[in-house]
mmCIF file of all heavy atoms, coordinates in Angstrom:
data_MODEL
# 
_entry.id   MODEL 
# 
loop_
_atom_site.group_PDB 
_atom_site.id 
_atom_site.type_symbol 
_atom_site.label_atom_id 
_atom_site.label_alt_id 
_atom_site.label_comp_id 
_atom_site.label_asym_id 
_atom_site.label_entity_id 
_atom_site.label_seq_id 
_atom_site.pdbx_PDB_ins_code 
_atom_site.Cartn_x 
_atom_site.Cartn_y 
_atom_site.Cartn_z 
_atom_site.occupancy 
_atom_site.B_iso_or_equiv 
_atom_site.pdbx_formal_charge 
_atom_site.auth_seq_id 
_atom_site.auth_comp_id 
_atom_site.auth_asym_id 
_atom_site.auth_atom_id 
_atom_site.pdbx_PDB_model_num 
ATOM 1   N N   . ASP A 1 1  ? 167.189 90.152 -272.743 1.00 0.00 ? 1  ASP A N   1 
ATOM 2   C CA  . ASP A 1 1  ? 167.426 88.869 -272.090 1.00 0.00 ? 1  ASP A CA  1 
ATOM 3   C C   . ASP A 1 1  ? 166.178 88.009 -271.959 1.00 0.00 ? 1  ASP A C   1 
ATOM 4   O O   . ASP A 1 1  ? 166.141 87.095 -271.137 1.00 0.00 ? 1  ASP A O   1 
ATOM 5   C CB  . ASP A 1 1  ? 168.040 89.116 -270.702 1.00 0.00 ? 1  ASP A CB  1 
ATOM 6   C CG  . ASP A 1 1  ? 169.458 89.647 -270.792 1.00 0.00 ? 1  ASP A CG  1 
ATOM 7   O OD1 . ASP A 1 1  ? 170.378 88.835 -270.966 1.00 0.00 ? 1  ASP A OD1 1 
ATOM 8   O OD2 . ASP A 1 1  ? 169.627 90.869 -270.729 1.00 0.00 ? 1  ASP A OD2 1 
ATOM 9   N N   . ALA A 1 2  ? 165.172 88.275 -272.766 1.00 0.00 ? 2  ALA A N   1 
ATOM 10  C CA  . ALA A 1 2  ? 163.926 87.517 -272.653 1.00 0.00 ? 2  ALA A CA  1 
ATOM 11  C C   . ALA A 1 2  ? 164.147 86.024 -272.858 1.00 0.00 ? 2  ALA A C   1 
ATOM 12  O O   . ALA A 1 2  ? 163.544 85.200 -272.168 1.00 0.00 ? 2  ALA A O   1 
ATOM 13  C CB  . ALA A 1 2  ? 162.894 88.044 -273.649 1.00 0.00 ? 2  ALA A CB  1 
ATOM 14  N N   . SER A 1 3  ? 165.018 85.658 -273.789 1.00 0.00 ? 3  SER A N   1 
ATOM 15  C CA  . SER A 1 3  ? 165.259 84.229 -274.041 1.00 0.00 ? 3  SER A CA  1 
ATOM 16  C C   . SER A 1 3  ? 165.919 83.556 -272.845 1.00 0.00 ? 3  SER A C   1 
ATOM 17  O O   . SER A 1 3  ? 165.613 82.407 -272.512 1.00 0.00 ? 3  SER A O   1 
ATOM 18  C CB  . SER A 1 3  ? 166.124 84.048 -275.290 1.00 0.00 ? 3  SER A CB  1 
ATOM 19  O OG  . SER A 1 3  ? 165.414 84.434 -276.448 1.00 0.00 ? 3  SER A OG  1 
ATOM 20  N N   . ARG A 1 4  ? 166.830 84.268 -272.176 1.00 0.00 ? 4  ARG A N   1 
ATOM 21  C CA  . ARG A 1 4  ? 167.467 83.714 -270.983 1.00 0.00 ? 4  ARG A CA  1 
ATOM 22  C C   . ARG A 1 4  ? 166.453 83.510 -269.866 1.00 0.00 ? 4  ARG A C   1 
ATOM 23  O O   . ARG A 1 4  ? 166.458 82.485 -269.182 1.00 0.00 ? 4  ARG A O   1 
ATOM 24  C CB  . ARG A 1 4  ? 168.595 84.625 -270.501 1.00 0.00 ? 4  ARG A CB  1 
ATOM 25  C CG  . ARG A 1 4  ? 169.773 84.732 -271.445 1.00 0.00 ? 4  ARG A CG  1 
ATOM 26  C CD  . ARG A 1 4  ? 170.746 85.806 -270.973 1.00 0.00 ? 4  ARG A CD  1 
ATOM 27  N NE  . ARG A 1 4  ? 171.382 85.464 -269.714 1.00 0.00 ? 4  ARG A NE  1 
ATOM 28  C CZ  . ARG A 1 4  ? 172.006 86.350 -268.943 1.00 0.00 ? 4  ARG A CZ  1 
ATOM 29  N NH1 . ARG A 1 4  ? 172.039 87.622 -269.276 1.00 0.00 ? 4  ARG A NH1 1 
ATOM 30  N NH2 . ARG A 1 4  ? 172.579 85.956 -267.822 1.00 0.00 ? 4  ARG A NH2 1 
ATOM 31  N N   . VAL A 1 5  ? 165.581 84.506 -269.686 1.00 0.00 ? 5  VAL A N   1 
ATOM 32  C CA  . VAL A 1 5  ? 164.551 84.390 -268.649 1.00 0.00 ? 5  VAL A CA  1 
ATOM 33  C C   . VAL A 1 5  ? 163.600 83.245 -268.981 1.00 0.00 ? 5  VAL A C   1 
ATOM 34  O O   . VAL A 1 5  ? 163.239 82.440 -268.108 1.00 0.00 ? 5  VAL A O   1 
ATOM 35  C CB  . VAL A 1 5  ? 163.782 85.716 -268.506 1.00 0.00 ? 5  VAL A CB  1 
ATOM 36  C CG1 . VAL A 1 5  ? 162.641 85.562 -267.516 1.00 0.00 ? 5  VAL A CG1 1 
ATOM 37  C CG2 . VAL A 1 5  ? 164.724 86.838 -268.080 1.00 0.00 ? 5  VAL A CG2 1 
ATOM 38  N N   . TYR A 1 6  ? 163.209 83.168 -270.236 1.00 0.00 ? 6  TYR A N   1 
ATOM 39  C CA  . TYR A 1 6  ? 162.295 82.101 -270.656 1.00 0.00 ? 6  TYR A CA  1 
ATOM 40  C C   . TYR A 1 6  ? 162.893 80.732 -270.344 1.00 0.00 ? 6  TYR A C   1 
ATOM 41  O O   . TYR A 1 6  ? 162.223 79.876 -269.756 1.00 0.00 ? 6  TYR A O   1 
ATOM 42  C CB  . TYR A 1 6  ? 162.027 82.228 -272.159 1.00 0.00 ? 6  TYR A CB  1 
ATOM 43  C CG  . TYR A 1 6  ? 161.001 81.251 -272.685 1.00 0.00 ? 6  TYR A CG  1 
ATOM 44  C CD1 . TYR A 1 6  ? 159.655 81.590 -272.738 1.00 0.00 ? 6  TYR A CD1 1 
ATOM 45  C CD2 . TYR A 1 6  ? 161.371 79.988 -273.150 1.00 0.00 ? 6  TYR A CD2 1 
ATOM 46  C CE1 . TYR A 1 6  ? 158.708 80.702 -273.224 1.00 0.00 ? 6  TYR A CE1 1 
ATOM 47  C CE2 . TYR A 1 6  ? 160.438 79.090 -273.631 1.00 0.00 ? 6  TYR A CE2 1 
ATOM 48  C CZ  . TYR A 1 6  ? 159.104 79.455 -273.671 1.00 0.00 ? 6  TYR A CZ  1 
ATOM 49  O OH  . TYR A 1 6  ? 158.177 78.560 -274.144 1.00 0.00 ? 6  TYR A OH  1 
ATOM 50  N N   . ARG A 1 7  ? 164.145 80.526 -270.702 1.00 0.00 ? 7  ARG A N   1 
ATOM 51  C CA  . ARG A 1 7  ? 164.766 79.223 -270.454 1.00 0.00 ? 7  ARG A CA  1 
ATOM 52  C C   . ARG A 1 7  ? 164.871 78.938 -268.958 1.00 0.00 ? 7  ARG A C   1 
ATOM 53  O O   . ARG A 1 7  ? 164.605 77.813 -268.515 1.00 0.00 ? 7  ARG A O   1 
ATOM 54  C CB  . ARG A 1 7  ? 166.153 79.162 -271.100 1.00 0.00 ? 7  ARG A CB  1 
ATOM 55  C CG  . ARG A 1 7  ? 166.780 77.770 -270.992 1.00 0.00 ? 7  ARG A CG  1 
ATOM 56  C CD  . ARG A 1 7  ? 168.185 77.732 -271.497 1.00 0.00 ? 7  ARG A CD  1 
ATOM 57  N NE  . ARG A 1 7  ? 168.745 76.391 -271.346 1.00 0.00 ? 7  ARG A NE  1 
ATOM 58  C CZ  . ARG A 1 7  ? 170.053 76.124 -271.294 1.00 0.00 ? 7  ARG A CZ  1 
ATOM 59  N NH1 . ARG A 1 7  ? 170.933 77.110 -271.404 1.00 0.00 ? 7  ARG A NH1 1 
ATOM 60  N NH2 . ARG A 1 7  ? 170.471 74.882 -271.134 1.00 0.00 ? 7  ARG A NH2 1 
ATOM 61  N N   . TRP A 1 8  ? 165.247 79.952 -268.174 1.00 0.00 ? 8  TRP A N   1 
ATOM 62  C CA  . TRP A 1 8  ? 165.354 79.763 -266.720 1.00 0.00 ? 8  TRP A CA  1 
ATOM 63  C C   . TRP A 1 8  ? 164.040 79.252 -266.141 1.00 0.00 ? 8  TRP A C   1 
ATOM 64  O O   . TRP A 1 8  ? 164.030 78.313 -265.341 1.00 0.00 ? 8  TRP A O   1 
ATOM 65  C CB  . TRP A 1 8  ? 165.739 81.097 -266.064 1.00 0.00 ? 8  TRP A CB  1 
ATOM 66  C CG  . TRP A 1 8  ? 165.457 81.147 -264.594 1.00 0.00 ? 8  TRP A CG  1 
ATOM 67  C CD1 . TRP A 1 8  ? 166.116 80.472 -263.601 1.00 0.00 ? 8  TRP A CD1 1 
ATOM 68  C CD2 . TRP A 1 8  ? 164.393 81.891 -263.945 1.00 0.00 ? 8  TRP A CD2 1 
ATOM 69  N NE1 . TRP A 1 8  ? 165.538 80.749 -262.373 1.00 0.00 ? 8  TRP A NE1 1 
ATOM 70  C CE2 . TRP A 1 8  ? 164.490 81.613 -262.557 1.00 0.00 ? 8  TRP A CE2 1 
ATOM 71  C CE3 . TRP A 1 8  ? 163.408 82.757 -264.391 1.00 0.00 ? 8  TRP A CE3 1 
ATOM 72  C CZ2 . TRP A 1 8  ? 163.621 82.181 -261.630 1.00 0.00 ? 8  TRP A CZ2 1 
ATOM 73  C CZ3 . TRP A 1 8  ? 162.538 83.323 -263.480 1.00 0.00 ? 8  TRP A CZ3 1 
ATOM 74  C CH2 . TRP A 1 8  ? 162.641 83.032 -262.115 1.00 0.00 ? 8  TRP A CH2 1 
ATOM 75  N N   . ALA A 1 9  ? 162.929 79.842 -266.542 1.00 0.00 ? 9  ALA A N   1 
ATOM 76  C CA  . ALA A 1 9  ? 161.640 79.479 -265.959 1.00 0.00 ? 9  ALA A CA  1 
ATOM 77  C C   . ALA A 1 9  ? 161.048 78.223 -266.579 1.00 0.00 ? 9  ALA A C   1 
ATOM 78  O O   . ALA A 1 9  ? 160.493 77.379 -265.873 1.00 0.00 ? 9  ALA A O   1 
ATOM 79  C CB  . ALA A 1 9  ? 160.669 80.647 -266.110 1.00 0.00 ? 9  ALA A CB  1 
ATOM 80  N N   . ILE A 1 10 ? 161.166 78.101 -267.894 1.00 0.00 ? 10 ILE A N   1 
ATOM 81  C CA  . ILE A 1 10 ? 160.457 77.016 -268.575 1.00 0.00 ? 10 ILE A CA  1 
ATOM 82  C C   . ILE A 1 10 ? 161.066 75.656 -268.243 1.00 0.00 ? 10 ILE A C   1 
ATOM 83  O O   . ILE A 1 10 ? 160.377 74.636 -268.272 1.00 0.00 ? 10 ILE A O   1 
ATOM 84  C CB  . ILE A 1 10 ? 160.412 77.266 -270.105 1.00 0.00 ? 10 ILE A CB  1 
ATOM 85  C CG1 . ILE A 1 10 ? 159.120 76.699 -270.707 1.00 0.00 ? 10 ILE A CG1 1 
ATOM 86  C CG2 . ILE A 1 10 ? 161.636 76.698 -270.803 1.00 0.00 ? 10 ILE A CG2 1 
ATOM 87  C CD1 . ILE A 1 10 ? 157.876 77.447 -270.361 1.00 0.00 ? 10 ILE A CD1 1 
ATOM 88  N N   . ARG A 1 11 ? 162.349 75.634 -267.893 1.00 0.00 ? 11 ARG A N   1 
ATOM 89  C CA  . ARG A 1 11 ? 162.961 74.353 -267.490 1.00 0.00 ? 11 ARG A CA  1 
ATOM 90  C C   . ARG A 1 11 ? 162.282 73.780 -266.262 1.00 0.00 ? 11 ARG A C   1 
ATOM 91  O O   . ARG A 1 11 ? 162.182 72.560 -266.109 1.00 0.00 ? 11 ARG A O   1 
ATOM 92  C CB  . ARG A 1 11 ? 164.457 74.556 -267.209 1.00 0.00 ? 11 ARG A CB  1 
ATOM 93  C CG  . ARG A 1 11 ? 165.302 74.648 -268.452 1.00 0.00 ? 11 ARG A CG  1 
ATOM 94  C CD  . ARG A 1 11 ? 166.776 74.733 -268.141 1.00 0.00 ? 11 ARG A CD  1 
ATOM 95  N NE  . ARG A 1 11 ? 167.108 75.965 -267.436 1.00 0.00 ? 11 ARG A NE  1 
ATOM 96  C CZ  . ARG A 1 11 ? 168.343 76.339 -267.115 1.00 0.00 ? 11 ARG A CZ  1 
ATOM 97  N NH1 . ARG A 1 11 ? 169.369 75.550 -267.419 1.00 0.00 ? 11 ARG A NH1 1 
ATOM 98  N NH2 . ARG A 1 11 ? 168.560 77.471 -266.487 1.00 0.00 ? 11 ARG A NH2 1 
ATOM 99  N N   . ASP A 1 12 ? 161.804 74.645 -265.393 1.00 0.00 ? 12 ASP A N   1 
ATOM 100 C CA  . ASP A 1 12 ? 161.088 74.181 -264.216 1.00 0.00 ? 12 ASP A CA  1 
ATOM 101 C C   . ASP A 1 12 ? 159.607 73.969 -264.520 1.00 0.00 ? 12 ASP A C   1 
ATOM 102 O O   . ASP A 1 12 ? 159.026 72.943 -264.162 1.00 0.00 ? 12 ASP A O   1 
ATOM 103 C CB  . ASP A 1 12 ? 161.241 75.195 -263.080 1.00 0.00 ? 12 ASP A CB  1 
ATOM 104 C CG  . ASP A 1 12 ? 160.571 74.728 -261.797 1.00 0.00 ? 12 ASP A CG  1 
ATOM 105 O OD1 . ASP A 1 12 ? 161.152 73.875 -261.105 1.00 0.00 ? 12 ASP A OD1 1 
ATOM 106 O OD2 . ASP A 1 12 ? 159.457 75.212 -261.500 1.00 0.00 ? 12 ASP A OD2 1 
ATOM 107 N N   . ALA A 1 13 ? 159.005 74.916 -265.230 1.00 0.00 ? 13 ALA A N   1 
ATOM 108 C CA  . ALA A 1 13 ? 157.567 74.841 -265.495 1.00 0.00 ? 13 ALA A CA  1 
ATOM 109 C C   . ALA A 1 13 ? 157.202 73.629 -266.341 1.00 0.00 ? 13 ALA A C   1 
ATOM 110 O O   . ALA A 1 13 ? 156.113 73.059 -266.183 1.00 0.00 ? 13 ALA A O   1 
ATOM 111 C CB  . ALA A 1 13 ? 157.103 76.115 -266.182 1.00 0.00 ? 13 ALA A CB  1 
ATOM 112 N N   . LEU A 1 14 ? 158.084 73.229 -267.263 1.00 0.00 ? 14 LEU A N   1 
ATOM 113 C CA  . LEU A 1 14 ? 157.797 72.105 -268.149 1.00 0.00 ? 14 LEU A CA  1 
ATOM 114 C C   . LEU A 1 14 ? 158.691 70.905 -267.883 1.00 0.00 ? 14 LEU A C   1 
ATOM 115 O O   . LEU A 1 14 ? 158.938 70.096 -268.782 1.00 0.00 ? 14 LEU A O   1 
ATOM 116 C CB  . LEU A 1 14 ? 157.921 72.540 -269.622 1.00 0.00 ? 14 LEU A CB  1 
ATOM 117 C CG  . LEU A 1 14 ? 156.845 73.508 -270.112 1.00 0.00 ? 14 LEU A CG  1 
ATOM 118 C CD1 . LEU A 1 14 ? 157.055 73.833 -271.584 1.00 0.00 ? 14 LEU A CD1 1 
ATOM 119 C CD2 . LEU A 1 14 ? 155.454 72.944 -269.888 1.00 0.00 ? 14 LEU A CD2 1 
ATOM 120 N N   . ALA A 1 15 ? 159.170 70.796 -266.653 1.00 0.00 ? 15 ALA A N   1 
ATOM 121 C CA  . ALA A 1 15 ? 159.876 69.572 -266.282 1.00 0.00 ? 15 ALA A CA  1 
ATOM 122 C C   . ALA A 1 15 ? 158.936 68.388 -266.497 1.00 0.00 ? 15 ALA A C   1 
ATOM 123 O O   . ALA A 1 15 ? 157.742 68.488 -266.221 1.00 0.00 ? 15 ALA A O   1 
ATOM 124 C CB  . ALA A 1 15 ? 160.321 69.640 -264.830 1.00 0.00 ? 15 ALA A CB  1 
ATOM 125 N N   . PRO A 1 16 ? 159.433 67.277 -267.040 1.00 0.00 ? 16 PRO A N   1 
ATOM 126 C CA  . PRO A 1 16 ? 158.542 66.152 -267.353 1.00 0.00 ? 16 PRO A CA  1 
ATOM 127 C C   . PRO A 1 16 ? 157.726 65.701 -266.149 1.00 0.00 ? 16 PRO A C   1 
ATOM 128 O O   . PRO A 1 16 ? 158.235 65.599 -265.028 1.00 0.00 ? 16 PRO A O   1 
ATOM 129 C CB  . PRO A 1 16 ? 159.508 65.060 -267.808 1.00 0.00 ? 16 PRO A CB  1 
ATOM 130 C CG  . PRO A 1 16 ? 160.707 65.800 -268.301 1.00 0.00 ? 16 PRO A CG  1 
ATOM 131 C CD  . PRO A 1 16 ? 160.822 67.003 -267.417 1.00 0.00 ? 16 PRO A CD  1 
ATOM 132 N N   . VAL A 1 17 ? 156.442 65.475 -266.381 1.00 0.00 ? 17 VAL A N   1 
ATOM 133 C CA  . VAL A 1 17 ? 155.552 64.983 -265.331 1.00 0.00 ? 17 VAL A CA  1 
ATOM 134 C C   . VAL A 1 17 ? 155.691 63.462 -265.269 1.00 0.00 ? 17 VAL A C   1 
ATOM 135 O O   . VAL A 1 17 ? 155.520 62.790 -266.285 1.00 0.00 ? 17 VAL A O   1 
ATOM 136 C CB  . VAL A 1 17 ? 154.093 65.364 -265.622 1.00 0.00 ? 17 VAL A CB  1 
ATOM 137 C CG1 . VAL A 1 17 ? 153.163 64.756 -264.594 1.00 0.00 ? 17 VAL A CG1 1 
ATOM 138 C CG2 . VAL A 1 17 ? 153.944 66.879 -265.655 1.00 0.00 ? 17 VAL A CG2 1 
ATOM 139 N N   . PRO A 1 18 ? 156.017 62.900 -264.091 1.00 0.00 ? 18 PRO A N   1 
ATOM 140 C CA  . PRO A 1 18 ? 156.174 61.440 -264.011 1.00 0.00 ? 18 PRO A CA  1 
ATOM 141 C C   . PRO A 1 18 ? 154.867 60.709 -264.365 1.00 0.00 ? 18 PRO A C   1 
ATOM 142 O O   . PRO A 1 18 ? 153.769 61.211 -264.106 1.00 0.00 ? 18 PRO A O   1 
ATOM 143 C CB  . PRO A 1 18 ? 156.549 61.211 -262.539 1.00 0.00 ? 18 PRO A CB  1 
ATOM 144 C CG  . PRO A 1 18 ? 157.020 62.530 -262.038 1.00 0.00 ? 18 PRO A CG  1 
ATOM 145 C CD  . PRO A 1 18 ? 156.271 63.564 -262.817 1.00 0.00 ? 18 PRO A CD  1 
ATOM 146 N N   . ALA A 1 19 ? 155.006 59.564 -264.974 1.00 0.00 ? 19 ALA A N   1 
ATOM 147 C CA  . ALA A 1 19 ? 153.838 58.734 -265.254 1.00 0.00 ? 19 ALA A CA  1 
ATOM 148 C C   . ALA A 1 19 ? 153.178 58.333 -263.942 1.00 0.00 ? 19 ALA A C   1 
ATOM 149 O O   . ALA A 1 19 ? 153.856 58.191 -262.899 1.00 0.00 ? 19 ALA A O   1 
ATOM 150 C CB  . ALA A 1 19 ? 154.250 57.509 -266.046 1.00 0.00 ? 19 ALA A CB  1 
ATOM 151 N N   . PRO A 1 20 ? 151.849 58.113 -263.937 1.00 0.00 ? 20 PRO A N   1 
ATOM 152 C CA  . PRO A 1 20 ? 151.130 57.829 -262.674 1.00 0.00 ? 20 PRO A CA  1 
ATOM 153 C C   . PRO A 1 20 ? 151.698 56.658 -261.877 1.00 0.00 ? 20 PRO A C   1 
ATOM 154 O O   . PRO A 1 20 ? 151.721 56.690 -260.651 1.00 0.00 ? 20 PRO A O   1 
ATOM 155 C CB  . PRO A 1 20 ? 149.707 57.535 -263.152 1.00 0.00 ? 20 PRO A CB  1 
ATOM 156 C CG  . PRO A 1 20 ? 149.587 58.246 -264.450 1.00 0.00 ? 20 PRO A CG  1 
ATOM 157 C CD  . PRO A 1 20 ? 150.951 58.206 -265.079 1.00 0.00 ? 20 PRO A CD  1 
ATOM 158 N N   . ASN A 1 21 ? 152.178 55.633 -262.570 1.00 0.00 ? 21 ASN A N   1 
ATOM 159 C CA  . ASN A 1 21 ? 152.685 54.449 -261.876 1.00 0.00 ? 21 ASN A CA  1 
ATOM 160 C C   . ASN A 1 21 ? 154.199 54.332 -261.920 1.00 0.00 ? 21 ASN A C   1 
ATOM 161 O O   . ASN A 1 21 ? 154.743 53.261 -261.647 1.00 0.00 ? 21 ASN A O   1 
ATOM 162 C CB  . ASN A 1 21 ? 152.063 53.181 -262.499 1.00 0.00 ? 21 ASN A CB  1 
ATOM 163 C CG  . ASN A 1 21 ? 150.551 53.160 -262.349 1.00 0.00 ? 21 ASN A CG  1 
ATOM 164 O OD1 . ASN A 1 21 ? 150.024 53.534 -261.298 1.00 0.00 ? 21 ASN A OD1 1 
ATOM 165 N ND2 . ASN A 1 21 ? 149.860 52.730 -263.392 1.00 0.00 ? 21 ASN A ND2 1 
ATOM 166 N N   . ALA A 1 22 ? 154.841 55.441 -262.251 1.00 0.00 ? 22 ALA A N   1 
ATOM 167 C CA  . ALA A 1 22 ? 156.302 55.403 -262.340 1.00 0.00 ? 22 ALA A CA  1 
ATOM 168 C C   . ALA A 1 22 ? 156.926 55.275 -260.961 1.00 0.00 ? 22 ALA A C   1 
ATOM 169 O O   . ALA A 1 22 ? 156.446 55.841 -259.975 1.00 0.00 ? 22 ALA A O   1 
ATOM 170 C CB  . ALA A 1 22 ? 156.821 56.662 -263.030 1.00 0.00 ? 22 ALA A CB  1 
ATOM 171 N N   . LYS A 1 23 ? 158.013 54.510 -260.886 1.00 0.00 ? 23 LYS A N   1 
ATOM 172 C CA  . LYS A 1 23 ? 158.728 54.350 -259.630 1.00 0.00 ? 23 LYS A CA  1 
ATOM 173 C C   . LYS A 1 23 ? 159.581 55.579 -259.377 1.00 0.00 ? 23 LYS A C   1 
ATOM 174 O O   . LYS A 1 23 ? 160.154 56.147 -260.309 1.00 0.00 ? 23 LYS A O   1 
ATOM 175 C CB  . LYS A 1 23 ? 159.607 53.115 -259.665 1.00 0.00 ? 23 LYS A CB  1 
ATOM 176 C CG  . LYS A 1 23 ? 158.805 51.801 -259.762 1.00 0.00 ? 23 LYS A CG  1 
ATOM 177 C CD  . LYS A 1 23 ? 159.741 50.618 -259.771 1.00 0.00 ? 23 LYS A CD  1 
ATOM 178 C CE  . LYS A 1 23 ? 158.959 49.312 -259.852 1.00 0.00 ? 23 LYS A CE  1 
ATOM 179 N NZ  . LYS A 1 23 ? 159.844 48.139 -259.874 1.00 0.00 ? 23 LYS A NZ  1 
ATOM 180 N N   . PRO A 1 24 ? 159.702 56.039 -258.135 1.00 0.00 ? 24 PRO A N   1 
ATOM 181 C CA  . PRO A 1 24 ? 160.532 57.219 -257.831 1.00 0.00 ? 24 PRO A CA  1 
ATOM 182 C C   . PRO A 1 24 ? 162.005 56.918 -258.061 1.00 0.00 ? 24 PRO A C   1 
ATOM 183 O O   . PRO A 1 24 ? 162.423 55.782 -258.042 1.00 0.00 ? 24 PRO A O   1 
ATOM 184 C CB  . PRO A 1 24 ? 160.231 57.471 -256.337 1.00 0.00 ? 24 PRO A CB  1 
ATOM 185 C CG  . PRO A 1 24 ? 159.751 56.166 -255.804 1.00 0.00 ? 24 PRO A CG  1 
ATOM 186 C CD  . PRO A 1 24 ? 159.054 55.469 -256.950 1.00 0.00 ? 24 PRO A CD  1 
# 
């Protein structure tokens, strides 16, 4: 189940970082 675990974690770890001046 390594691929399932990888997807579970990486979706959070690599969630897009908002641009510095992006509106919430």
